[in-house]
Amino acid sequence: MTTTLIVLAFLALGVGIVAFATRGPRSRVDAQAHEQDTAWGEPPAPSETTSDPFAHAPKPDATVTPARETERQS
């Protein structure tokens, strides 16, 4: 009998958690819910553009030097 009550308590707890997690939206309107004009898809204005941070970086070396001389296979 005790085992059945424990299982029923866990089942009720699980149903409560699922019901709480999937409940409907609140009835009041949030202030942040309105769409704001953020200009997300527009390119930046010329005054907002920055220079290339890698413009003065050294050019990468195209050749790779081996760490040690290769051994001869016999």
PDB file of N, CA and C in Angstrom:
ATOM      1  N   MET A   1       0.820  -1.187   0.000  1.00  0.00           N
ATOM      2  CA  MET A   1       0.000   0.000   0.000  1.00  0.00           C
ATOM      3  C   MET A   1       0.871   1.260   0.000  1.00  0.00           C
ATOM      4  N   THR A   2       1.958   1.233   0.762  1.00  0.00           N
ATOM      5  CA  THR A   2       2.848   2.386   0.831  1.00  0.00           C
ATOM      6  C   THR A   2       3.507   2.634  -0.520  1.00  0.00           C
ATOM      7  N   THR A   3       3.896   1.569  -1.195  1.00  0.00           N
ATOM      8  CA  THR A   3       4.521   1.702  -2.510  1.00  0.00           C
ATOM      9  C   THR A   3       3.556   2.350  -3.497  1.00  0.00           C
ATOM     10  N   THR A   4       2.312   1.965  -3.447  1.00  0.00           N
ATOM     11  CA  THR A   4       1.306   2.537  -4.346  1.00  0.00           C
ATOM     12  C   THR A   4       1.125   4.027  -4.080  1.00  0.00           C
ATOM     13  N   LEU A   5       1.122   4.420  -2.820  1.00  0.00           N
ATOM     14  CA  LEU A   5       0.982   5.835  -2.490  1.00  0.00           C
ATOM     15  C   LEU A   5       2.194   6.643  -2.956  1.00  0.00           C
ATOM     16  N   ILE A   6       3.386   6.075  -2.830  1.00  0.00           N
ATOM     17  CA  ILE A   6       4.597   6.760  -3.289  1.00  0.00           C
ATOM     18  C   ILE A   6       4.562   6.928  -4.803  1.00  0.00           C
ATOM     19  N   VAL A   7       4.165   5.876  -5.516  1.00  0.00           N
ATOM     20  CA  VAL A   7       4.078   5.950  -6.977  1.00  0.00           C
ATOM     21  C   VAL A   7       3.031   6.979  -7.390  1.00  0.00           C
ATOM     22  N   LEU A   8       1.888   6.998  -6.727  1.00  0.00           N
ATOM     23  CA  LEU A   8       0.852   7.982  -7.043  1.00  0.00           C
ATOM     24  C   LEU A   8       1.318   9.408  -6.738  1.00  0.00           C
ATOM     25  N   ALA A   9       2.085   9.581  -5.677  1.00  0.00           N
ATOM     26  CA  ALA A   9       2.605  10.910  -5.342  1.00  0.00           C
ATOM     27  C   ALA A   9       3.585  11.386  -6.410  1.00  0.00           C
ATOM     28  N   PHE A  10       4.470  10.494  -6.870  1.00  0.00           N
ATOM     29  CA  PHE A  10       5.402  10.859  -7.940  1.00  0.00           C
ATOM     30  C   PHE A  10       4.663  11.150  -9.240  1.00  0.00           C
ATOM     31  N   LEU A  11       3.630  10.380  -9.511  1.00  0.00           N
ATOM     32  CA  LEU A  11       2.834  10.607 -10.718  1.00  0.00           C
ATOM     33  C   LEU A  11       2.133  11.967 -10.648  1.00  0.00           C
ATOM     34  N   ALA A  12       1.577  12.300  -9.506  1.00  0.00           N
ATOM     35  CA  ALA A  12       0.925  13.599  -9.340  1.00  0.00           C
ATOM     36  C   ALA A  12       1.941  14.739  -9.441  1.00  0.00           C
ATOM     37  N   LEU A  13       3.123  14.532  -8.891  1.00  0.00           N
ATOM     38  CA  LEU A  13       4.176  15.534  -8.991  1.00  0.00           C
ATOM     39  C   LEU A  13       4.588  15.742 -10.448  1.00  0.00           C
ATOM     40  N   GLY A  14       4.728  14.656 -11.195  1.00  0.00           N
ATOM     41  CA  GLY A  14       5.081  14.756 -12.612  1.00  0.00           C
ATOM     42  C   GLY A  14       4.019  15.474 -13.420  1.00  0.00           C
ATOM     43  N   VAL A  15       2.758  15.164 -13.162  1.00  0.00           N
ATOM     44  CA  VAL A  15       1.664  15.841 -13.865  1.00  0.00           C
ATOM     45  C   VAL A  15       1.662  17.324 -13.514  1.00  0.00           C
ATOM     46  N   GLY A  16       1.918  17.651 -12.274  1.00  0.00           N
ATOM     47  CA  GLY A  16       1.970  19.058 -11.869  1.00  0.00           C
ATOM     48  C   GLY A  16       3.107  19.809 -12.537  1.00  0.00           C
ATOM     49  N   ILE A  17       4.263  19.177 -12.646  1.00  0.00           N
ATOM     50  CA  ILE A  17       5.409  19.819 -13.301  1.00  0.00           C
ATOM     51  C   ILE A  17       5.116  20.053 -14.774  1.00  0.00           C
ATOM     52  N   VAL A  18       4.547  19.049 -15.443  1.00  0.00           N
ATOM     53  CA  VAL A  18       4.222  19.193 -16.867  1.00  0.00           C
ATOM     54  C   VAL A  18       3.163  20.267 -17.063  1.00  0.00           C
ATOM     55  N   ALA A  19       2.155  20.294 -16.212  1.00  0.00           N
ATOM     56  CA  ALA A  19       1.101  21.305 -16.336  1.00  0.00           C
ATOM     57  C   ALA A  19       1.655  22.707 -16.092  1.00  0.00           C
ATOM     58  N   PHE A  20       2.571  22.839 -15.157  1.00  0.00           N
ATOM     59  CA  PHE A  20       3.169  24.138 -14.871  1.00  0.00           C
ATOM     60  C   PHE A  20       4.062  24.597 -16.018  1.00  0.00           C
ATOM     61  N   ALA A  21       4.814  23.672 -16.609  1.00  0.00           N
ATOM     62  CA  ALA A  21       5.744  24.025 -17.683  1.00  0.00           C
ATOM     63  C   ALA A  21       5.034  24.351 -18.983  1.00  0.00           C
ATOM     64  N   THR A  22       3.872  23.764 -19.222  1.00  0.00           N
ATOM     65  CA  THR A  22       3.182  23.952 -20.501  1.00  0.00           C
ATOM     66  C   THR A  22       1.941  24.821 -20.378  1.00  0.00           C
ATOM     67  N   ARG A  23       1.844  25.587 -19.320  1.00  0.00           N
ATOM     68  CA  ARG A  23       0.647  26.415 -19.151  1.00  0.00           C
ATOM     69  C   ARG A  23       0.604  27.510 -20.214  1.00  0.00           C
ATOM     70  N   GLY A  24      -0.563  28.080 -20.406  1.00  0.00           N
ATOM     71  CA  GLY A  24      -0.780  29.094 -21.437  1.00  0.00           C
ATOM     72  C   GLY A  24      -0.093  30.406 -21.114  1.00  0.00           C
ATOM     73  N   PRO A  25      -0.135  31.337 -22.058  1.00  0.00           N
ATOM     74  CA  PRO A  25       0.504  32.636 -21.833  1.00  0.00           C
ATOM     75  C   PRO A  25      -0.246  33.440 -20.774  1.00  0.00           C
ATOM     76  N   ARG A  26       0.446  34.385 -20.206  1.00  0.00           N
ATOM     77  CA  ARG A  26      -0.157  35.227 -19.182  1.00  0.00           C
ATOM     78  C   ARG A  26      -1.230  36.112 -19.795  1.00  0.00           C
ATOM     79  N   SER A  27      -2.196  36.497 -19.004  1.00  0.00           N
ATOM     80  CA  SER A  27      -3.291  37.318 -19.513  1.00  0.00           C
ATOM     81  C   SER A  27      -2.877  38.779 -19.663  1.00  0.00           C
ATOM     82  N   ARG A  28      -1.926  39.246 -18.858  1.00  0.00           N
ATOM     83  CA  ARG A  28      -1.508  40.641 -18.981  1.00  0.00           C
ATOM     84  C   ARG A  28      -0.475  40.774 -20.099  1.00  0.00           C
ATOM     85  N   VAL A  29      -0.380  41.955 -20.641  1.00  0.00           N
ATOM     86  CA  VAL A  29       0.531  42.204 -21.752  1.00  0.00           C
ATOM     87  C   VAL A  29       1.844  42.732 -21.193  1.00  0.00           C
ATOM     88  N   ASP A  30       2.940  42.103 -21.575  1.00  0.00           N
ATOM     89  CA  ASP A  30       4.251  42.574 -21.146  1.00  0.00           C
ATOM     90  C   ASP A  30       4.662  43.797 -21.951  1.00  0.00           C
ATOM     91  N   ALA A  31       5.437  44.661 -21.327  1.00  0.00           N
ATOM     92  CA  ALA A  31       5.918  45.847 -22.034  1.00  0.00           C
ATOM     93  C   ALA A  31       6.937  45.457 -23.103  1.00  0.00           C
ATOM     94  N   GLN A  32       7.667  44.379 -22.884  1.00  0.00           N
ATOM     95  CA  GLN A  32       8.684  43.948 -23.837  1.00  0.00           C
ATOM     96  C   GLN A  32       8.109  43.129 -24.977  1.00  0.00           C
ATOM     97  N   ALA A  33       6.835  42.785 -24.914  1.00  0.00           N
ATOM     98  CA  ALA A  33       6.239  41.927 -25.928  1.00  0.00           C
ATOM     99  C   ALA A  33       6.042  42.653 -27.248  1.00  0.00           C
ATOM    100  N   HIS A  34       5.978  43.970 -27.226  1.00  0.00           N
ATOM    101  CA  HIS A  34       5.785  44.723 -28.455  1.00  0.00           C
ATOM    102  C   HIS A  34       7.067  44.710 -29.275  1.00  0.00           C
ATOM    103  N   GLU A  35       6.900  44.605 -30.589  1.00  0.00           N
ATOM    104  CA  GLU A  35       8.066  44.594 -31.469  1.00  0.00           C
ATOM    105  C   GLU A  35       8.693  45.982 -31.484  1.00  0.00           C
ATOM    106  N   GLN A  36       9.998  46.002 -31.359  1.00  0.00           N
ATOM    107  CA  GLN A  36      10.710  47.266 -31.337  1.00  0.00           C
ATOM    108  C   GLN A  36      11.473  47.441 -32.640  1.00  0.00           C
ATOM    109  N   ASP A  37      11.645  48.671 -33.057  1.00  0.00           N
ATOM    110  CA  ASP A  37      12.406  48.959 -34.259  1.00  0.00           C
ATOM    111  C   ASP A  37      13.885  48.963 -33.890  1.00  0.00           C
ATOM    112  N   THR A  38      14.569  47.867 -34.169  1.00  0.00           N
ATOM    113  CA  THR A  38      15.975  47.750 -33.810  1.00  0.00           C
ATOM    114  C   THR A  38      16.899  47.923 -34.995  1.00  0.00           C
ATOM    115  N   ALA A  39      16.356  48.010 -36.208  1.00  0.00           N
ATOM    116  CA  ALA A  39      17.148  48.152 -37.435  1.00  0.00           C
ATOM    117  C   ALA A  39      18.124  46.997 -37.574  1.00  0.00           C
ATOM    118  N   TRP A  40      17.674  45.811 -37.223  1.00  0.00           N
ATOM    119  CA  TRP A  40      18.544  44.640 -37.237  1.00  0.00           C
ATOM    120  C   TRP A  40      19.001  44.296 -38.642  1.00  0.00           C
ATOM    121  N   GLY A  41      18.116  44.409 -39.637  1.00  0.00           N
ATOM    122  CA  GLY A  41      18.459  43.989 -40.982  1.00  0.00           C
ATOM    123  C   GLY A  41      19.084  45.074 -41.834  1.00  0.00           C
ATOM    124  N   GLU A  42      19.238  46.270 -41.308  1.00  0.00           N
ATOM    125  CA  GLU A  42      19.787  47.359 -42.095  1.00  0.00           C
ATOM    126  C   GLU A  42      21.302  47.417 -41.953  1.00  0.00           C
ATOM    127  N   PRO A  43      22.006  47.823 -43.017  1.00  0.00           N
ATOM    128  CA  PRO A  43      23.465  47.954 -42.904  1.00  0.00           C
ATOM    129  C   PRO A  43      23.821  49.125 -41.987  1.00  0.00           C
ATOM    130  N   PRO A  44      24.996  49.089 -41.376  1.00  0.00           N
ATOM    131  CA  PRO A  44      25.375  50.186 -40.486  1.00  0.00           C
ATOM    132  C   PRO A  44      25.604  51.474 -41.272  1.00  0.00           C
ATOM    133  N   ALA A  45      25.395  52.568 -40.602  1.00  0.00           N
ATOM    134  CA  ALA A  45      25.619  53.871 -41.221  1.00  0.00           C
ATOM    135  C   ALA A  45      27.119  54.068 -41.432  1.00  0.00           C
ATOM    136  N   PRO A  46      27.521  54.894 -42.407  1.00  0.00           N
ATOM    137  CA  PRO A  46      28.962  55.099 -42.648  1.00  0.00           C
ATOM    138  C   PRO A  46      29.706  55.605 -41.422  1.00  0.00           C
ATOM    139  N   SER A  47      29.060  56.359 -40.567  1.00  0.00           N
ATOM    140  CA  SER A  47      29.748  56.849 -39.370  1.00  0.00           C
ATOM    141  C   SER A  47      29.965  55.738 -38.350  1.00  0.00           C
ATOM    142  N   GLU A  48      29.199  54.648 -38.448  1.00  0.00           N
ATOM    143  CA  GLU A  48      29.310  53.555 -37.482  1.00  0.00           C
ATOM    144  C   GLU A  48      30.299  52.479 -37.919  1.00  0.00           C
ATOM    145  N   THR A  49      30.759  52.517 -39.156  1.00  0.00           N
ATOM    146  CA  THR A  49      31.673  51.482 -39.630  1.00  0.00           C
ATOM    147  C   THR A  49      33.040  51.678 -38.994  1.00  0.00           C
ATOM    148  N   THR A  50      33.725  50.588 -38.776  1.00  0.00           N
ATOM    149  CA  THR A  50      35.054  50.637 -38.181  1.00  0.00           C
ATOM    150  C   THR A  50      36.069  50.172 -39.202  1.00  0.00           C
ATOM    151  N   SER A  51      37.308  50.501 -38.958  1.00  0.00           N
ATOM    152  CA  SER A  51      38.362  50.066 -39.866  1.00  0.00           C
ATOM    153  C   SER A  51      38.653  48.586 -39.633  1.00  0.00           C
ATOM    154  N   ASP A  52      39.346  47.985 -40.577  1.00  0.00           N
ATOM    155  CA  ASP A  52      39.676  46.571 -40.494  1.00  0.00           C
ATOM    156  C   ASP A  52      40.688  46.356 -39.371  1.00  0.00           C
ATOM    157  N   PRO A  53      40.366  45.556 -38.340  1.00  0.00           N
ATOM    158  CA  PRO A  53      41.315  45.371 -37.240  1.00  0.00           C
ATOM    159  C   PRO A  53      42.538  44.556 -37.641  1.00  0.00           C
ATOM    160  N   PHE A  54      42.465  43.835 -38.767  1.00  0.00           N
ATOM    161  CA  PHE A  54      43.588  43.013 -39.197  1.00  0.00           C
ATOM    162  C   PHE A  54      44.342  43.638 -40.362  1.00  0.00           C
ATOM    163  N   ALA A  55      44.128  44.917 -40.627  1.00  0.00           N
ATOM    164  CA  ALA A  55      44.765  45.558 -41.772  1.00  0.00           C
ATOM    165  C   ALA A  55      46.281  45.610 -41.618  1.00  0.00           C
ATOM    166  N   HIS A  56      46.794  45.762 -40.415  1.00  0.00           N
ATOM    167  CA  HIS A  56      48.233  45.891 -40.196  1.00  0.00           C
ATOM    168  C   HIS A  56      48.864  44.592 -39.704  1.00  0.00           C
ATOM    169  N   ALA A  57      48.143  43.497 -39.753  1.00  0.00           N
ATOM    170  CA  ALA A  57      48.677  42.210 -39.311  1.00  0.00           C
ATOM    171  C   ALA A  57      49.664  41.683 -40.345  1.00  0.00           C
ATOM    172  N   PRO A  58      50.678  40.941 -39.913  1.00  0.00           N
ATOM    173  CA  PRO A  58      51.624  40.382 -40.893  1.00  0.00           C
ATOM    174  C   PRO A  58      50.937  39.333 -41.758  1.00  0.00           C
ATOM    175  N   LYS A  59      51.397  39.215 -42.975  1.00  0.00           N
ATOM    176  CA  LYS A  59      50.833  38.243 -43.904  1.00  0.00           C
ATOM    177  C   LYS A  59      51.198  36.834 -43.432  1.00  0.00           C
ATOM    178  N   PRO A  60      50.304  35.876 -43.604  1.00  0.00           N
ATOM    179  CA  PRO A  60      50.618  34.504 -43.179  1.00  0.00           C
ATOM    180  C   PRO A  60      51.685  33.891 -44.074  1.00  0.00           C
ATOM    181  N   ASP A  61      52.519  33.059 -43.474  1.00  0.00           N
ATOM    182  CA  ASP A  61      53.586  32.385 -44.210  1.00  0.00           C
ATOM    183  C   ASP A  61      52.986  31.174 -44.910  1.00  0.00           C
ATOM    184  N   ALA A  62      53.131  31.116 -46.233  1.00  0.00           N
ATOM    185  CA  ALA A  62      52.527  30.033 -47.006  1.00  0.00           C
ATOM    186  C   ALA A  62      53.313  28.735 -46.888  1.00  0.00           C
ATOM    187  N   THR A  63      54.603  28.829 -46.614  1.00  0.00           N
ATOM    188  CA  THR A  63      55.410  27.611 -46.517  1.00  0.00           C
ATOM    189  C   THR A  63      55.491  27.169 -45.066  1.00  0.00           C
ATOM    190  N   VAL A  64      55.480  25.882 -44.874  1.00  0.00           N
ATOM    191  CA  VAL A  64      55.567  25.310 -43.541  1.00  0.00           C
ATOM    192  C   VAL A  64      56.928  24.656 -43.407  1.00  0.00           C
ATOM    193  N   THR A  65      57.669  25.051 -42.408  1.00  0.00           N
ATOM    194  CA  THR A  65      58.978  24.440 -42.180  1.00  0.00           C
ATOM    195  C   THR A  65      58.797  23.221 -41.294  1.00  0.00           C
ATOM    196  N   PRO A  66      59.444  22.110 -41.648  1.00  0.00           N
ATOM    197  CA  PRO A  66      59.294  20.907 -40.821  1.00  0.00           C
ATOM    198  C   PRO A  66      59.961  21.097 -39.467  1.00  0.00           C
ATOM    199  N   ALA A  67      59.434  20.430 -38.464  1.00  0.00           N
ATOM    200  CA  ALA A  67      59.969  20.538 -37.117  1.00  0.00           C
ATOM    201  C   ALA A  67      61.341  19.885 -37.016  1.00  0.00           C
ATOM    202  N   ARG A  68      61.558  18.821 -37.765  1.00  0.00           N
ATOM    203  CA  ARG A  68      62.862  18.156 -37.794  1.00  0.00           C
ATOM    204  C   ARG A  68      63.040  17.513 -39.159  1.00  0.00           C
ATOM    205  N   GLU A  69      64.238  17.140 -39.442  1.00  0.00           N
ATOM    206  CA  GLU A  69      64.553  16.517 -40.726  1.00  0.00           C
ATOM    207  C   GLU A  69      63.905  15.133 -40.780  1.00  0.00           C
ATOM    208  N   THR A  70      63.375  14.776 -41.934  1.00  0.00           N
ATOM    209  CA  THR A  70      62.740  13.468 -42.061  1.00  0.00           C
ATOM    210  C   THR A  70      63.781  12.365 -42.050  1.00  0.00           C
ATOM    211  N   GLU A  71      63.414  11.238 -41.459  1.00  0.00           N
ATOM    212  CA  GLU A  71      64.335  10.103 -41.391  1.00  0.00           C
ATOM    213  C   GLU A  71      64.209   9.266 -42.651  1.00  0.00           C
ATOM    214  N   ARG A  72      65.303   8.689 -43.035  1.00  0.00           N
ATOM    215  CA  ARG A  72      65.331   7.874 -44.223  1.00  0.00           C
ATOM    216  C   ARG A  72      64.760   6.494 -43.918  1.00  0.00           C
ATOM    217  N   GLN A  73      63.832   6.037 -44.754  1.00  0.00           N
ATOM    218  CA  GLN A  73      63.233   4.714 -44.575  1.00  0.00           C
ATOM    219  C   GLN A  73      64.048   3.695 -45.350  1.00  0.00           C
ATOM    220  N   SER A  74      64.410   2.569 -44.718  1.00  0.00           N
ATOM    221  CA  SER A  74      65.166   1.557 -45.448  1.00  0.00           C
ATOM    222  C   SER A  74      64.336   0.339 -45.733  1.00  0.00           C
TER     223      SER A  74
END
